Amino acid sequence: MKEKKYYHTAKNLTLSAMFLAIGFVLPFFTGQIQQIGNMLLPMHIPVFLCGLICGWQYGAVVGLILPLSRSFLFGMPPMYPNAVAMAAELLTYGLVAGFVYARSRWQCVISLYRALIVAMVAGRVVWGIAEVILLGLGGSVFTWEAFLAGALLNSIPGIILQLILIPAIMVALHRAGLVKFYRKEKRKQVSDAG
């Protein structure tokens, strides 16, 4: 039993490190251009996947570390206020997506969309709150228009990309036998029988 727990933890740590590495690399495909990155949101995808596959704890940690370490290593996103606010936002994405998906009665594509949408809303609200606090401390004002532009209008291409790509990846992983979709009752019966 102990070996199984250690194996599970080691597997999740390894996958989390892989998602962190993917989060470092994906923004290079947008040319490190902040406007394109703001539209396509390349760092969000590995954080969502980490939360869904490894669990909310791992997704939250990867979401917190990714923008801060990327800012420190590559200068993008700028540390203050962008990377700090993004750290709060991505932490929320990984945490909420993983938590909602793990608590779903059925783990399937519908549950996946539910988890993604709830996490997207929660993450954007947290991002807005972080921006208000950070910019308020700096003497600037974060307006409702700036929130709508940053959280929704400029992000529409990235949101669409996430809603297409993340479920497609999860379905491909399910078909490959790497991620399992299931009903909780069925899983419980199987574990009771074993």
C-alpha atoms as a PDB file:
ATOM      1  CA  MET A   1       0.000   0.000   0.000  1.00  0.00           C
ATOM      2  CA  LYS A   2       2.826   2.391   0.896  1.00  0.00           C
ATOM      3  CA  GLU A   3       4.604   1.680  -2.386  1.00  0.00           C
ATOM      4  CA  LYS A   4       1.433   2.508  -4.313  1.00  0.00           C
ATOM      5  CA  LYS A   5       1.148   5.863  -2.512  1.00  0.00           C
ATOM      6  CA  TYR A   6       4.823   6.692  -3.192  1.00  0.00           C
ATOM      7  CA  TYR A   7       4.407   5.685  -6.835  1.00  0.00           C
ATOM      8  CA  HIS A   8       1.321   7.912  -7.160  1.00  0.00           C
ATOM      9  CA  THR A   9       3.111  10.872  -5.534  1.00  0.00           C
ATOM     10  CA  ALA A  10       6.245  10.396  -7.648  1.00  0.00           C
ATOM     11  CA  LYS A  11       4.132  10.168 -10.798  1.00  0.00           C
ATOM     12  CA  ASN A  12       2.258  13.385  -9.961  1.00  0.00           C
ATOM     13  CA  LEU A  13       5.485  15.239  -9.098  1.00  0.00           C
ATOM     14  CA  THR A  14       7.047  14.127 -12.391  1.00  0.00           C
ATOM     15  CA  LEU A  15       3.965  15.146 -14.387  1.00  0.00           C
ATOM     16  CA  SER A  16       3.826  18.495 -12.549  1.00  0.00           C
ATOM     17  CA  ALA A  17       7.459  19.159 -13.461  1.00  0.00           C
ATOM     18  CA  MET A  18       6.612  18.324 -17.077  1.00  0.00           C
ATOM     19  CA  PHE A  19       3.642  20.736 -17.050  1.00  0.00           C
ATOM     20  CA  LEU A  20       5.872  23.421 -15.529  1.00  0.00           C
ATOM     21  CA  ALA A  21       8.419  22.874 -18.317  1.00  0.00           C
ATOM     22  CA  ILE A  22       5.659  23.069 -20.941  1.00  0.00           C
ATOM     23  CA  GLY A  23       4.518  26.332 -19.337  1.00  0.00           C
ATOM     24  CA  PHE A  24       8.047  27.706 -19.738  1.00  0.00           C
ATOM     25  CA  VAL A  25       8.232  26.713 -23.408  1.00  0.00           C
ATOM     26  CA  LEU A  26       4.731  27.474 -24.796  1.00  0.00           C
ATOM     27  CA  PRO A  27       5.046  31.289 -24.576  1.00  0.00           C
ATOM     28  CA  PHE A  28       8.073  31.130 -26.882  1.00  0.00           C
ATOM     29  CA  PHE A  29       5.646  30.060 -29.628  1.00  0.00           C
ATOM     30  CA  THR A  30       3.945  33.447 -29.272  1.00  0.00           C
ATOM     31  CA  GLY A  31       7.340  35.090 -29.716  1.00  0.00           C
ATOM     32  CA  GLN A  32       7.350  36.437 -26.159  1.00  0.00           C
ATOM     33  CA  ILE A  33       5.089  39.221 -27.506  1.00  0.00           C
ATOM     34  CA  GLN A  34       2.863  40.209 -24.611  1.00  0.00           C
ATOM     35  CA  GLN A  35      -0.165  41.187 -26.748  1.00  0.00           C
ATOM     36  CA  ILE A  36      -0.231  37.786 -28.498  1.00  0.00           C
ATOM     37  CA  GLY A  37       0.371  36.020 -25.187  1.00  0.00           C
ATOM     38  CA  ASN A  38      -2.542  37.946 -23.661  1.00  0.00           C
ATOM     39  CA  MET A  39      -4.785  36.703 -26.461  1.00  0.00           C
ATOM     40  CA  LEU A  40      -3.681  33.034 -26.618  1.00  0.00           C
ATOM     41  CA  LEU A  41      -2.890  32.527 -22.900  1.00  0.00           C
ATOM     42  CA  PRO A  42      -0.237  29.818 -23.436  1.00  0.00           C
ATOM     43  CA  MET A  43       0.701  29.424 -19.752  1.00  0.00           C
ATOM     44  CA  HIS A  44      -2.885  28.607 -18.765  1.00  0.00           C
ATOM     45  CA  ILE A  45      -3.082  25.320 -20.699  1.00  0.00           C
ATOM     46  CA  PRO A  46      -0.448  23.328 -18.755  1.00  0.00           C
ATOM     47  CA  VAL A  47      -1.808  24.627 -15.439  1.00  0.00           C
ATOM     48  CA  PHE A  48      -5.340  23.462 -16.282  1.00  0.00           C
ATOM     49  CA  LEU A  49      -4.006  20.081 -17.433  1.00  0.00           C
ATOM     50  CA  CYS A  50      -1.916  19.698 -14.293  1.00  0.00           C
ATOM     51  CA  GLY A  51      -4.919  20.403 -12.054  1.00  0.00           C
ATOM     52  CA  LEU A  52      -7.110  17.987 -14.007  1.00  0.00           C
ATOM     53  CA  ILE A  53      -4.600  15.151 -14.283  1.00  0.00           C
ATOM     54  CA  CYS A  54      -2.491  15.426 -11.113  1.00  0.00           C
ATOM     55  CA  GLY A  55      -5.003  17.010  -8.747  1.00  0.00           C
ATOM     56  CA  TRP A  56      -5.809  20.429  -7.384  1.00  0.00           C
ATOM     57  CA  GLN A  57      -2.794  20.591  -5.044  1.00  0.00           C
ATOM     58  CA  TYR A  58      -0.317  20.079  -7.874  1.00  0.00           C
ATOM     59  CA  GLY A  59      -2.218  22.370 -10.235  1.00  0.00           C
ATOM     60  CA  ALA A  60      -2.242  25.140  -7.628  1.00  0.00           C
ATOM     61  CA  VAL A  61       1.510  24.880  -6.992  1.00  0.00           C
ATOM     62  CA  VAL A  62       2.382  24.827 -10.711  1.00  0.00           C
ATOM     63  CA  GLY A  63       0.028  27.779 -11.263  1.00  0.00           C
ATOM     64  CA  LEU A  64       1.707  29.758  -8.504  1.00  0.00           C
ATOM     65  CA  ILE A  65       5.294  28.982  -9.516  1.00  0.00           C
ATOM     66  CA  LEU A  66       5.005  29.249 -13.309  1.00  0.00           C
ATOM     67  CA  PRO A  67       4.480  32.999 -13.924  1.00  0.00           C
ATOM     68  CA  LEU A  68       6.806  34.075 -11.102  1.00  0.00           C
ATOM     69  CA  SER A  69       9.691  31.833 -12.159  1.00  0.00           C
ATOM     70  CA  ARG A  70       9.128  32.624 -15.841  1.00  0.00           C
ATOM     71  CA  SER A  71       9.263  36.344 -15.061  1.00  0.00           C
ATOM     72  CA  PHE A  72      12.440  35.849 -13.040  1.00  0.00           C
ATOM     73  CA  LEU A  73      14.166  33.715 -15.711  1.00  0.00           C
ATOM     74  CA  PHE A  74      12.972  35.328 -18.947  1.00  0.00           C
ATOM     75  CA  GLY A  75      11.581  38.746 -17.963  1.00  0.00           C
ATOM     76  CA  MET A  76       8.133  37.865 -19.309  1.00  0.00           C
ATOM     77  CA  PRO A  77       5.573  38.495 -18.003  1.00  0.00           C
ATOM     78  CA  PRO A  78       6.870  41.584 -16.164  1.00  0.00           C
ATOM     79  CA  MET A  79       7.055  40.789 -12.449  1.00  0.00           C
ATOM     80  CA  TYR A  80       4.954  43.669 -11.106  1.00  0.00           C
ATOM     81  CA  PRO A  81       1.995  43.666 -11.396  1.00  0.00           C
ATOM     82  CA  ASN A  82       1.557  41.130 -14.231  1.00  0.00           C
ATOM     83  CA  ALA A  83       3.399  38.018 -12.970  1.00  0.00           C
ATOM     84  CA  VAL A  84       2.204  38.503  -9.390  1.00  0.00           C
ATOM     85  CA  ALA A  85      -1.449  38.849 -10.480  1.00  0.00           C
ATOM     86  CA  MET A  86      -1.034  35.935 -12.912  1.00  0.00           C
ATOM     87  CA  ALA A  87       0.360  33.776 -10.103  1.00  0.00           C
ATOM     88  CA  ALA A  88      -2.867  34.307  -8.142  1.00  0.00           C
ATOM     89  CA  GLU A  89      -4.940  33.692 -11.276  1.00  0.00           C
ATOM     90  CA  LEU A  90      -3.132  30.521 -12.378  1.00  0.00           C
ATOM     91  CA  LEU A  91      -3.068  29.156  -8.824  1.00  0.00           C
ATOM     92  CA  THR A  92      -6.858  29.530  -8.844  1.00  0.00           C
ATOM     93  CA  TYR A  93      -7.161  27.815 -12.247  1.00  0.00           C
ATOM     94  CA  GLY A  94      -5.164  24.777 -11.170  1.00  0.00           C
ATOM     95  CA  LEU A  95      -6.875  24.556  -7.790  1.00  0.00           C
ATOM     96  CA  VAL A  96     -10.476  25.054  -8.932  1.00  0.00           C
ATOM     97  CA  ALA A  97     -10.253  22.959 -12.124  1.00  0.00           C
ATOM     98  CA  GLY A  98      -8.667  20.054 -10.269  1.00  0.00           C
ATOM     99  CA  PHE A  99     -11.008  20.305  -7.282  1.00  0.00           C
ATOM    100  CA  VAL A 100     -14.244  20.564  -9.282  1.00  0.00           C
ATOM    101  CA  TYR A 101     -13.221  17.796 -11.682  1.00  0.00           C
ATOM    102  CA  ALA A 102     -12.130  15.430  -8.889  1.00  0.00           C
ATOM    103  CA  ARG A 103     -15.430  15.980  -7.051  1.00  0.00           C
ATOM    104  CA  SER A 104     -17.545  15.360 -10.146  1.00  0.00           C
ATOM    105  CA  ARG A 105     -19.825  12.363  -9.985  1.00  0.00           C
ATOM    106  CA  TRP A 106     -18.739  11.344 -13.467  1.00  0.00           C
ATOM    107  CA  GLN A 107     -15.337  12.201 -14.832  1.00  0.00           C
ATOM    108  CA  CYS A 108     -16.153  12.767 -18.470  1.00  0.00           C
ATOM    109  CA  VAL A 109     -16.068  15.530 -21.075  1.00  0.00           C
ATOM    110  CA  ILE A 110     -19.106  17.279 -19.567  1.00  0.00           C
ATOM    111  CA  SER A 111     -17.444  17.328 -16.137  1.00  0.00           C
ATOM    112  CA  LEU A 112     -14.300  18.611 -17.826  1.00  0.00           C
ATOM    113  CA  TYR A 113     -16.143  21.562 -19.358  1.00  0.00           C
ATOM    114  CA  ARG A 114     -17.873  22.293 -16.054  1.00  0.00           C
ATOM    115  CA  ALA A 115     -14.529  22.314 -14.218  1.00  0.00           C
ATOM    116  CA  LEU A 116     -12.885  24.484 -16.888  1.00  0.00           C
ATOM    117  CA  ILE A 117     -15.663  27.075 -16.971  1.00  0.00           C
ATOM    118  CA  VAL A 118     -15.934  27.354 -13.178  1.00  0.00           C
ATOM    119  CA  ALA A 119     -12.127  27.654 -12.936  1.00  0.00           C
ATOM    120  CA  MET A 120     -11.994  30.279 -15.698  1.00  0.00           C
ATOM    121  CA  VAL A 121     -14.577  32.442 -13.953  1.00  0.00           C
ATOM    122  CA  ALA A 122     -12.935  32.037 -10.530  1.00  0.00           C
ATOM    123  CA  GLY A 123      -9.440  32.692 -11.910  1.00  0.00           C
ATOM    124  CA  ARG A 124     -10.487  35.855 -13.686  1.00  0.00           C
ATOM    125  CA  VAL A 125     -12.220  37.171 -10.572  1.00  0.00           C
ATOM    126  CA  VAL A 126      -9.081  36.472  -8.516  1.00  0.00           C
ATOM    127  CA  TRP A 127      -6.937  38.139 -11.204  1.00  0.00           C
ATOM    128  CA  GLY A 128      -9.156  41.235 -11.067  1.00  0.00           C
ATOM    129  CA  ILE A 129      -8.946  41.380  -7.268  1.00  0.00           C
ATOM    130  CA  ALA A 130      -5.151  40.958  -7.407  1.00  0.00           C
ATOM    131  CA  GLU A 131      -4.861  43.749 -10.004  1.00  0.00           C
ATOM    132  CA  VAL A 132      -7.008  46.083  -7.873  1.00  0.00           C
ATOM    133  CA  ILE A 133      -4.826  45.412  -4.822  1.00  0.00           C
ATOM    134  CA  LEU A 134      -1.488  45.594  -6.660  1.00  0.00           C
ATOM    135  CA  LEU A 135      -2.292  48.674  -8.719  1.00  0.00           C
ATOM    136  CA  GLY A 136      -4.018  50.339  -5.776  1.00  0.00           C
ATOM    137  CA  LEU A 137      -0.813  49.932  -3.762  1.00  0.00           C
ATOM    138  CA  GLY A 138       1.114  51.498  -6.649  1.00  0.00           C
ATOM    139  CA  GLY A 139      -1.212  54.507  -6.802  1.00  0.00           C
ATOM    140  CA  SER A 140      -2.872  53.482 -10.089  1.00  0.00           C
ATOM    141  CA  VAL A 141      -6.514  52.722 -10.670  1.00  0.00           C
ATOM    142  CA  PHE A 142      -7.730  49.448 -12.124  1.00  0.00           C
ATOM    143  CA  THR A 143     -11.005  50.237 -13.884  1.00  0.00           C
ATOM    144  CA  TRP A 144     -13.954  48.032 -14.764  1.00  0.00           C
ATOM    145  CA  GLU A 145     -13.101  48.570 -18.452  1.00  0.00           C
ATOM    146  CA  ALA A 146      -9.538  47.346 -17.856  1.00  0.00           C
ATOM    147  CA  PHE A 147     -10.922  44.269 -16.098  1.00  0.00           C
ATOM    148  CA  LEU A 148     -13.324  43.462 -18.950  1.00  0.00           C
ATOM    149  CA  ALA A 149     -10.590  43.974 -21.539  1.00  0.00           C
ATOM    150  CA  GLY A 150      -8.009  41.876 -19.681  1.00  0.00           C
ATOM    151  CA  ALA A 151     -10.294  39.145 -18.370  1.00  0.00           C
ATOM    152  CA  LEU A 152     -12.650  38.711 -21.299  1.00  0.00           C
ATOM    153  CA  LEU A 153     -12.379  40.736 -24.487  1.00  0.00           C
ATOM    154  CA  ASN A 154      -8.642  40.318 -25.172  1.00  0.00           C
ATOM    155  CA  SER A 155      -8.751  36.720 -23.922  1.00  0.00           C
ATOM    156  CA  ILE A 156     -11.499  35.352 -26.198  1.00  0.00           C
ATOM    157  CA  PRO A 157      -9.078  33.575 -28.604  1.00  0.00           C
ATOM    158  CA  GLY A 158      -7.286  31.926 -25.652  1.00  0.00           C
ATOM    159  CA  ILE A 159     -10.544  30.925 -23.978  1.00  0.00           C
ATOM    160  CA  ILE A 160     -11.770  29.299 -27.201  1.00  0.00           C
ATOM    161  CA  LEU A 161      -8.393  27.580 -27.646  1.00  0.00           C
ATOM    162  CA  GLN A 162      -8.541  26.205 -24.081  1.00  0.00           C
ATOM    163  CA  LEU A 163     -12.138  24.995 -24.439  1.00  0.00           C
ATOM    164  CA  ILE A 164     -11.189  23.085 -27.604  1.00  0.00           C
ATOM    165  CA  LEU A 165      -7.639  21.931 -26.858  1.00  0.00           C
ATOM    166  CA  ILE A 166      -7.854  20.814 -23.200  1.00  0.00           C
ATOM    167  CA  PRO A 167     -10.847  18.444 -23.657  1.00  0.00           C
ATOM    168  CA  ALA A 168      -9.273  17.142 -26.891  1.00  0.00           C
ATOM    169  CA  ILE A 169      -6.036  16.357 -25.034  1.00  0.00           C
ATOM    170  CA  MET A 170      -7.927  14.698 -22.178  1.00  0.00           C
ATOM    171  CA  VAL A 171      -9.980  12.557 -24.609  1.00  0.00           C
ATOM    172  CA  ALA A 172      -6.775  11.547 -26.439  1.00  0.00           C
ATOM    173  CA  LEU A 173      -5.146  10.615 -23.121  1.00  0.00           C
ATOM    174  CA  HIS A 174      -8.279   8.632 -22.170  1.00  0.00           C
ATOM    175  CA  ARG A 175      -8.194   6.721 -25.450  1.00  0.00           C
ATOM    176  CA  ALA A 176      -4.491   6.010 -24.905  1.00  0.00           C
ATOM    177  CA  GLY A 177      -5.311   4.650 -21.440  1.00  0.00           C
ATOM    178  CA  LEU A 178      -3.337   7.336 -19.617  1.00  0.00           C
ATOM    179  CA  VAL A 179      -6.336   9.162 -18.096  1.00  0.00           C
ATOM    180  CA  LYS A 180      -9.544   7.396 -17.130  1.00  0.00           C
ATOM    181  CA  PHE A 181     -13.064   8.781 -17.440  1.00  0.00           C
ATOM    182  CA  TYR A 182     -15.385   7.022 -15.001  1.00  0.00           C
ATOM    183  CA  ARG A 183     -18.471   7.130 -12.844  1.00  0.00           C
ATOM    184  CA  LYS A 184     -17.765   7.265  -9.117  1.00  0.00           C
ATOM    185  CA  GLU A 185     -20.230   4.459  -8.253  1.00  0.00           C
ATOM    186  CA  LYS A 186     -18.550   2.134 -10.718  1.00  0.00           C
ATOM    187  CA  ARG A 187     -15.087   2.963  -9.382  1.00  0.00           C
ATOM    188  CA  LYS A 188     -16.282   2.363  -5.817  1.00  0.00           C
ATOM    189  CA  GLN A 189     -17.749  -1.039  -6.752  1.00  0.00           C
ATOM    190  CA  VAL A 190     -14.488  -2.039  -8.423  1.00  0.00           C
ATOM    191  CA  SER A 191     -12.465  -0.996  -5.367  1.00  0.00           C
ATOM    192  CA  ASP A 192     -14.918  -2.803  -3.032  1.00  0.00           C
ATOM    193  CA  ALA A 193     -14.598  -5.985  -5.086  1.00  0.00           C
ATOM    194  CA  GLY A 194     -10.761  -5.824  -4.937  1.00  0.00           C
END
